[in-house]
PDB file of N, CA and C in Angstrom:
ATOM      1  N   MET A   1     113.656  92.040 110.465  1.00  0.00           N
ATOM      2  CA  MET A   1     112.230  92.125 110.216  1.00  0.00           C
ATOM      3  C   MET A   1     111.768  90.809 109.566  1.00  0.00           C
ATOM      4  N   MET A   2     110.639  90.299 110.010  1.00  0.00           N
ATOM      5  CA  MET A   2     110.114  89.031 109.535  1.00  0.00           C
ATOM      6  C   MET A   2     109.044  89.253 108.468  1.00  0.00           C
ATOM      7  N   ASN A   3     109.076  88.430 107.410  1.00  0.00           N
ATOM      8  CA  ASN A   3     107.998  88.483 106.433  1.00  0.00           C
ATOM      9  C   ASN A   3     107.141  87.228 106.571  1.00  0.00           C
ATOM     10  N   MET A   4     106.043  87.150 105.832  1.00  0.00           N
ATOM     11  CA  MET A   4     105.129  86.011 105.974  1.00  0.00           C
ATOM     12  C   MET A   4     105.778  84.696 105.567  1.00  0.00           C
ATOM     13  N   ASN A   5     106.628  84.699 104.560  1.00  0.00           N
ATOM     14  CA  ASN A   5     107.302  83.458 104.176  1.00  0.00           C
ATOM     15  C   ASN A   5     108.166  82.930 105.318  1.00  0.00           C
ATOM     16  N   GLN A   6     108.884  83.813 105.970  1.00  0.00           N
ATOM     17  CA  GLN A   6     109.709  83.405 107.109  1.00  0.00           C
ATOM     18  C   GLN A   6     108.834  82.921 108.260  1.00  0.00           C
ATOM     19  N   PHE A   7     107.732  83.611 108.494  1.00  0.00           N
ATOM     20  CA  PHE A   7     106.836  83.215 109.580  1.00  0.00           C
ATOM     21  C   PHE A   7     106.263  81.823 109.315  1.00  0.00           C
ATOM     22  N   THR A   8     105.767  81.593 108.102  1.00  0.00           N
ATOM     23  CA  THR A   8     105.155  80.298 107.811  1.00  0.00           C
ATOM     24  C   THR A   8     106.180  79.168 107.824  1.00  0.00           C
ATOM     25  N   GLU A   9     107.415  79.461 107.433  1.00  0.00           N
ATOM     26  CA  GLU A   9     108.467  78.438 107.486  1.00  0.00           C
ATOM     27  C   GLU A   9     108.832  78.092 108.924  1.00  0.00           C
ATOM     28  N   SER A  10     108.863  79.087 109.792  1.00  0.00           N
ATOM     29  CA  SER A  10     109.253  78.833 111.175  1.00  0.00           C
ATOM     30  C   SER A  10     108.075  78.427 112.067  1.00  0.00           C
ATOM     31  N   HIS A  11     106.848  78.629 111.604  1.00  0.00           N
ATOM     32  CA  HIS A  11     105.642  78.278 112.361  1.00  0.00           C
ATOM     33  C   HIS A  11     104.641  77.581 111.429  1.00  0.00           C
ATOM     34  N   PRO A  12     104.988  76.415 110.886  1.00  0.00           N
ATOM     35  CA  PRO A  12     104.137  75.788 109.862  1.00  0.00           C
ATOM     36  C   PRO A  12     102.736  75.391 110.332  1.00  0.00           C
ATOM     37  N   GLY A  13     102.540  75.088 111.589  1.00  0.00           N
ATOM     38  CA  GLY A  13     101.221  74.685 112.073  1.00  0.00           C
ATOM     39  C   GLY A  13     100.447  75.786 112.759  1.00  0.00           C
ATOM     40  N   HIS A  14     100.995  76.990 112.769  1.00  0.00           N
ATOM     41  CA  HIS A  14     100.350  78.111 113.458  1.00  0.00           C
ATOM     42  C   HIS A  14      99.073  78.521 112.713  1.00  0.00           C
ATOM     43  N   PRO A  15      98.022  78.894 113.440  1.00  0.00           N
ATOM     44  CA  PRO A  15      96.786  79.328 112.777  1.00  0.00           C
ATOM     45  C   PRO A  15      96.998  80.481 111.787  1.00  0.00           C
ATOM     46  N   LEU A  16      97.924  81.387 112.071  1.00  0.00           N
ATOM     47  CA  LEU A  16      98.204  82.472 111.128  1.00  0.00           C
ATOM     48  C   LEU A  16      98.793  81.911 109.836  1.00  0.00           C
ATOM     49  N   SER A  17      99.705  80.955 109.940  1.00  0.00           N
ATOM     50  CA  SER A  17     100.274  80.324 108.739  1.00  0.00           C
ATOM     51  C   SER A  17      99.188  79.627 107.938  1.00  0.00           C
ATOM     52  N   ASN A  18      98.291  78.948 108.643  1.00  0.00           N
ATOM     53  CA  ASN A  18      97.198  78.249 107.963  1.00  0.00           C
ATOM     54  C   ASN A  18      96.256  79.225 107.263  1.00  0.00           C
ATOM     55  N   ALA A  19      95.873  80.294 107.945  1.00  0.00           N
ATOM     56  CA  ALA A  19      94.971  81.289 107.350  1.00  0.00           C
ATOM     57  C   ALA A  19      95.626  81.947 106.136  1.00  0.00           C
ATOM     58  N   TYR A  20      96.909  82.244 106.235  1.00  0.00           N
ATOM     59  CA  TYR A  20      97.624  82.870 105.123  1.00  0.00           C
ATOM     60  C   TYR A  20      97.662  81.916 103.919  1.00  0.00           C
ATOM     61  N   GLY A  21      97.963  80.648 104.175  1.00  0.00           N
ATOM     62  CA  GLY A  21      97.991  79.669 103.094  1.00  0.00           C
ATOM     63  C   GLY A  21      96.639  79.497 102.433  1.00  0.00           C
ATOM     64  N   LEU A  22      95.583  79.441 103.243  1.00  0.00           N
ATOM     65  CA  LEU A  22      94.236  79.325 102.697  1.00  0.00           C
ATOM     66  C   LEU A  22      93.852  80.566 101.896  1.00  0.00           C
ATOM     67  N   MET A  23      94.252  81.736 102.377  1.00  0.00           N
ATOM     68  CA  MET A  23      93.977  82.972 101.657  1.00  0.00           C
ATOM     69  C   MET A  23      94.639  82.938 100.280  1.00  0.00           C
ATOM     70  N   LYS A  24      95.890  82.481 100.236  1.00  0.00           N
ATOM     71  CA  LYS A  24      96.615  82.427  98.964  1.00  0.00           C
ATOM     72  C   LYS A  24      95.965  81.461  97.980  1.00  0.00           C
ATOM     73  N   ARG A  25      95.367  80.388  98.496  1.00  0.00           N
ATOM     74  CA  ARG A  25      94.777  79.374  97.625  1.00  0.00           C
ATOM     75  C   ARG A  25      93.286  79.580  97.359  1.00  0.00           C
ATOM     76  N   SER A  26      92.686  80.564  97.988  1.00  0.00           N
ATOM     77  CA  SER A  26      91.245  80.788  97.833  1.00  0.00           C
ATOM     78  C   SER A  26      90.884  81.037  96.374  1.00  0.00           C
ATOM     79  N   GLN A  27      89.767  80.456  95.986  1.00  0.00           N
ATOM     80  CA  GLN A  27      89.300  80.586  94.609  1.00  0.00           C
ATOM     81  C   GLN A  27      88.249  81.675  94.426  1.00  0.00           C
ATOM     82  N   THR A  28      87.611  82.063  95.513  1.00  0.00           N
ATOM     83  CA  THR A  28      86.567  83.073  95.389  1.00  0.00           C
ATOM     84  C   THR A  28      86.952  84.331  96.164  1.00  0.00           C
ATOM     85  N   LYS A  29      86.382  85.422  95.737  1.00  0.00           N
ATOM     86  CA  LYS A  29      86.622  86.704  96.405  1.00  0.00           C
ATOM     87  C   LYS A  29      86.165  86.653  97.855  1.00  0.00           C
ATOM     88  N   SER A  30      85.047  85.992  98.096  1.00  0.00           N
ATOM     89  CA  SER A  30      84.504  85.882  99.452  1.00  0.00           C
ATOM     90  C   SER A  30      85.444  85.083 100.366  1.00  0.00           C
ATOM     91  N   GLU A  31      85.927  83.948  99.890  1.00  0.00           N
ATOM     92  CA  GLU A  31      86.874  83.153 100.683  1.00  0.00           C
ATOM     93  C   GLU A  31      88.146  83.934 100.956  1.00  0.00           C
ATOM     94  N   LYS A  32      88.672  84.567  99.918  1.00  0.00           N
ATOM     95  CA  LYS A  32      89.913  85.333 100.070  1.00  0.00           C
ATOM     96  C   LYS A  32      89.730  86.430 101.106  1.00  0.00           C
ATOM     97  N   ARG A  33      88.579  87.121 101.060  1.00  0.00           N
ATOM     98  CA  ARG A  33      88.295  88.189 102.022  1.00  0.00           C
ATOM     99  C   ARG A  33      88.246  87.633 103.445  1.00  0.00           C
ATOM    100  N   ASP A  34      87.560  86.494 103.619  1.00  0.00           N
ATOM    101  CA  ASP A  34      87.433  85.899 104.947  1.00  0.00           C
ATOM    102  C   ASP A  34      88.797  85.534 105.534  1.00  0.00           C
ATOM    103  N   PHE A  35      89.644  84.868 104.749  1.00  0.00           N
ATOM    104  CA  PHE A  35      90.956  84.471 105.251  1.00  0.00           C
ATOM    105  C   PHE A  35      91.900  85.662 105.389  1.00  0.00           C
ATOM    106  N   PHE A  36      91.718  86.685 104.552  1.00  0.00           N
ATOM    107  CA  PHE A  36      92.469  87.929 104.678  1.00  0.00           C
ATOM    108  C   PHE A  36      92.175  88.571 106.041  1.00  0.00           C
ATOM    109  N   LEU A  37      90.890  88.688 106.364  1.00  0.00           N
ATOM    110  CA  LEU A  37      90.506  89.293 107.643  1.00  0.00           C
ATOM    111  C   LEU A  37      90.999  88.461 108.817  1.00  0.00           C
ATOM    112  N   MET A  38      90.938  87.140 108.678  1.00  0.00           N
ATOM    113  CA  MET A  38      91.413  86.253 109.741  1.00  0.00           C
ATOM    114  C   MET A  38      92.926  86.422 109.947  1.00  0.00           C
ATOM    115  N   ALA A  39      93.681  86.460 108.870  1.00  0.00           N
ATOM    116  CA  ALA A  39      95.136  86.602 108.978  1.00  0.00           C
ATOM    117  C   ALA A  39      95.510  87.946 109.594  1.00  0.00           C
ATOM    118  N   ARG A  40      94.816  89.004 109.199  1.00  0.00           N
ATOM    119  CA  ARG A  40      95.101  90.322 109.778  1.00  0.00           C
ATOM    120  C   ARG A  40      94.747  90.346 111.262  1.00  0.00           C
ATOM    121  N   ALA A  41      93.624  89.757 111.630  1.00  0.00           N
ATOM    122  CA  ALA A  41      93.211  89.742 113.041  1.00  0.00           C
ATOM    123  C   ALA A  41      94.209  88.946 113.879  1.00  0.00           C
ATOM    124  N   MET A  42      94.671  87.821 113.368  1.00  0.00           N
ATOM    125  CA  MET A  42      95.643  87.020 114.124  1.00  0.00           C
ATOM    126  C   MET A  42      96.955  87.762 114.284  1.00  0.00           C
ATOM    127  N   THR A  43      97.365  88.478 113.258  1.00  0.00           N
ATOM    128  CA  THR A  43      98.598  89.264 113.349  1.00  0.00           C
ATOM    129  C   THR A  43      98.437  90.350 114.412  1.00  0.00           C
ATOM    130  N   GLN A  44      97.295  91.010 114.412  1.00  0.00           N
ATOM    131  CA  GLN A  44      97.025  92.053 115.411  1.00  0.00           C
ATOM    132  C   GLN A  44      97.040  91.459 116.822  1.00  0.00           C
ATOM    133  N   LEU A  45      96.438  90.296 116.987  1.00  0.00           N
ATOM    134  CA  LEU A  45      96.409  89.638 118.285  1.00  0.00           C
ATOM    135  C   LEU A  45      97.825  89.296 118.760  1.00  0.00           C
ATOM    136  N   LEU A  46      98.645  88.754 117.878  1.00  0.00           N
ATOM    137  CA  LEU A  46     100.031  88.424 118.238  1.00  0.00           C
ATOM    138  C   LEU A  46     100.807  89.677 118.645  1.00  0.00           C
ATOM    139  N   LYS A  47     100.533  90.783 117.957  1.00  0.00           N
ATOM    140  CA  LYS A  47     101.197  92.048 118.307  1.00  0.00           C
ATOM    141  C   LYS A  47     100.760  92.497 119.703  1.00  0.00           C
ATOM    142  N   TYR A  48      99.471  92.472 119.972  1.00  0.00           N
ATOM    143  CA  TYR A  48      98.977  92.906 121.281  1.00  0.00           C
ATOM    144  C   TYR A  48      99.416  91.991 122.405  1.00  0.00           C
ATOM    145  N   GLN A  49      99.645  90.715 122.111  1.00  0.00           N
ATOM    146  CA  GLN A  49     100.123  89.773 123.126  1.00  0.00           C
ATOM    147  C   GLN A  49     101.628  89.897 123.340  1.00  0.00           C
ATOM    148  N   GLY A  50     102.274  90.722 122.543  1.00  0.00           N
ATOM    149  CA  GLY A  50     103.713  90.921 122.682  1.00  0.00           C
ATOM    150  C   GLY A  50     104.555  89.861 121.992  1.00  0.00           C
ATOM    151  N   GLN A  51     103.930  89.028 121.161  1.00  0.00           N
ATOM    152  CA  GLN A  51     104.669  87.991 120.449  1.00  0.00           C
ATOM    153  C   GLN A  51     105.297  88.508 119.161  1.00  0.00           C
ATOM    154  N   LEU A  52     104.845  89.673 118.705  1.00  0.00           N
ATOM    155  CA  LEU A  52     105.429  90.339 117.545  1.00  0.00           C
ATOM    156  C   LEU A  52     105.732  91.787 117.909  1.00  0.00           C
ATOM    157  N   THR A  53     106.824  92.312 117.395  1.00  0.00           N
ATOM    158  CA  THR A  53     107.111  93.732 117.565  1.00  0.00           C
ATOM    159  C   THR A  53     106.252  94.523 116.586  1.00  0.00           C
ATOM    160  N   GLU A  54     106.206  95.807 116.772  1.00  0.00           N
ATOM    161  CA  GLU A  54     105.462  96.678 115.859  1.00  0.00           C
ATOM    162  C   GLU A  54     105.982  96.531 114.430  1.00  0.00           C
ATOM    163  N   SER A  55     107.295  96.501 114.254  1.00  0.00           N
ATOM    164  CA  SER A  55     107.864  96.404 112.900  1.00  0.00           C
ATOM    165  C   SER A  55     107.594  95.035 112.285  1.00  0.00           C
ATOM    166  N   GLU A  56     107.639  93.966 113.081  1.00  0.00           N
ATOM    167  CA  GLU A  56     107.314  92.632 112.556  1.00  0.00           C
ATOM    168  C   GLU A  56     105.857  92.565 112.120  1.00  0.00           C
ATOM    169  N   ALA A  57     104.967  93.099 112.950  1.00  0.00           N
ATOM    170  CA  ALA A  57     103.544  93.096 112.612  1.00  0.00           C
ATOM    171  C   ALA A  57     103.286  93.901 111.339  1.00  0.00           C
ATOM    172  N   THR A  58     103.917  95.051 111.224  1.00  0.00           N
ATOM    173  CA  THR A  58     103.751  95.882 110.032  1.00  0.00           C
ATOM    174  C   THR A  58     104.221  95.143 108.789  1.00  0.00           C
ATOM    175  N   SER A  59     105.342  94.461 108.887  1.00  0.00           N
ATOM    176  CA  SER A  59     105.855  93.689 107.759  1.00  0.00           C
ATOM    177  C   SER A  59     104.889  92.568 107.375  1.00  0.00           C
ATOM    178  N   LEU A  60     104.343  91.876 108.374  1.00  0.00           N
ATOM    179  CA  LEU A  60     103.387  90.808 108.090  1.00  0.00           C
ATOM    180  C   LEU A  60     102.102  91.374 107.488  1.00  0.00           C
ATOM    181  N   PHE A  61     101.623  92.501 108.025  1.00  0.00           N
ATOM    182  CA  PHE A  61     100.441  93.150 107.452  1.00  0.00           C
ATOM    183  C   PHE A  61     100.665  93.480 105.980  1.00  0.00           C
ATOM    184  N   ASP A  62     101.829  94.026 105.668  1.00  0.00           N
ATOM    185  CA  ASP A  62     102.144  94.388 104.282  1.00  0.00           C
ATOM    186  C   ASP A  62     102.120  93.161 103.370  1.00  0.00           C
ATOM    187  N   ASP A  63     102.715  92.059 103.826  1.00  0.00           N
ATOM    188  CA  ASP A  63     102.721  90.833 103.028  1.00  0.00           C
ATOM    189  C   ASP A  63     101.311  90.274 102.850  1.00  0.00           C
ATOM    190  N   ILE A  64     100.534  90.283 103.917  1.00  0.00           N
ATOM    191  CA  ILE A  64      99.153  89.785 103.846  1.00  0.00           C
ATOM    192  C   ILE A  64      98.348  90.636 102.867  1.00  0.00           C
ATOM    193  N   ASP A  65      98.458  91.956 102.997  1.00  0.00           N
ATOM    194  CA  ASP A  65      97.721  92.860 102.115  1.00  0.00           C
ATOM    195  C   ASP A  65      98.112  92.652 100.656  1.00  0.00           C
ATOM    196  N   CYS A  66      99.399  92.566 100.406  1.00  0.00           N
ATOM    197  CA  CYS A  66      99.890  92.411  99.040  1.00  0.00           C
ATOM    198  C   CYS A  66      99.394  91.102  98.431  1.00  0.00           C
ATOM    199  N   GLN A  67      99.468  90.026  99.176  1.00  0.00           N
ATOM    200  CA  GLN A  67      99.027  88.732  98.664  1.00  0.00           C
ATOM    201  C   GLN A  67      97.516  88.710  98.434  1.00  0.00           C
ATOM    202  N   ALA A  68      96.787  89.342  99.316  1.00  0.00           N
ATOM    203  CA  ALA A  68      95.323  89.302  99.246  1.00  0.00           C
ATOM    204  C   ALA A  68      94.774  90.087  98.075  1.00  0.00           C
ATOM    205  N   VAL A  69      95.342  91.223  97.810  1.00  0.00           N
ATOM    206  CA  VAL A  69      94.729  92.127  96.834  1.00  0.00           C
ATOM    207  C   VAL A  69      95.482  92.214  95.520  1.00  0.00           C
ATOM    208  N   GLY A  70      96.582  91.568  95.406  1.00  0.00           N
ATOM    209  CA  GLY A  70      97.312  91.575  94.141  1.00  0.00           C
ATOM    210  C   GLY A  70      97.648  92.962  93.643  1.00  0.00           C
ATOM    211  N   GLY A  71      98.052  93.835  94.578  1.00  0.00           N
ATOM    212  CA  GLY A  71      98.449  95.183  94.185  1.00  0.00           C
ATOM    213  C   GLY A  71      97.327  96.201  94.217  1.00  0.00           C
ATOM    214  N   ARG A  72      96.095  95.735  94.514  1.00  0.00           N
ATOM    215  CA  ARG A  72      94.962  96.662  94.594  1.00  0.00           C
ATOM    216  C   ARG A  72      94.745  97.076  96.035  1.00  0.00           C
ATOM    217  N   SER A  73      93.900  98.034  96.237  1.00  0.00           N
ATOM    218  CA  SER A  73      93.561  98.486  97.587  1.00  0.00           C
ATOM    219  C   SER A  73      92.872  97.376  98.355  1.00  0.00           C
ATOM    220  N   ALA A  74      93.162  97.260  99.632  1.00  0.00           N
ATOM    221  CA  ALA A  74      92.506  96.252 100.466  1.00  0.00           C
ATOM    222  C   ALA A  74      90.998  96.466 100.488  1.00  0.00           C
ATOM    223  N   ARG A  75      90.550  97.669 100.279  1.00  0.00           N
ATOM    224  CA  ARG A  75      89.118  97.952 100.276  1.00  0.00           C
ATOM    225  C   ARG A  75      88.414  97.278  99.109  1.00  0.00           C
ATOM    226  N   SER A  76      89.164  96.890  98.070  1.00  0.00           N
ATOM    227  CA  SER A  76      88.521  96.231  96.926  1.00  0.00           C
ATOM    228  C   SER A  76      88.008  94.848  97.287  1.00  0.00           C
ATOM    229  N   LEU A  77      88.442  94.293  98.419  1.00  0.00           N
ATOM    230  CA  LEU A  77      87.955  92.984  98.852  1.00  0.00           C
ATOM    231  C   LEU A  77      86.653  93.091  99.624  1.00  0.00           C
ATOM    232  N   GLN A  78      86.275  94.264 100.031  1.00  0.00           N
ATOM    233  CA  GLN A  78      85.079  94.408 100.865  1.00  0.00           C
ATOM    234  C   GLN A  78      83.833  94.560 100.008  1.00  0.00           C
TER     235      GLN A  78
END
């Protein structure tokens, strides 16, 4: 199973890696929300294109959610 750290290390220039990095460095709630949504959408797209398995996508979603909300519900970003 792949996590976001492994994904970003193996795909450093990928738009998902970039969105995840920007989300982690965002200073405002609005920026963090925007990059959070972008990273989740890109992960979903990769899953539907068959580039990620269901379990890989779930693992990436979990990492994205955890990083974005710092242990809070993802709904707190909306």
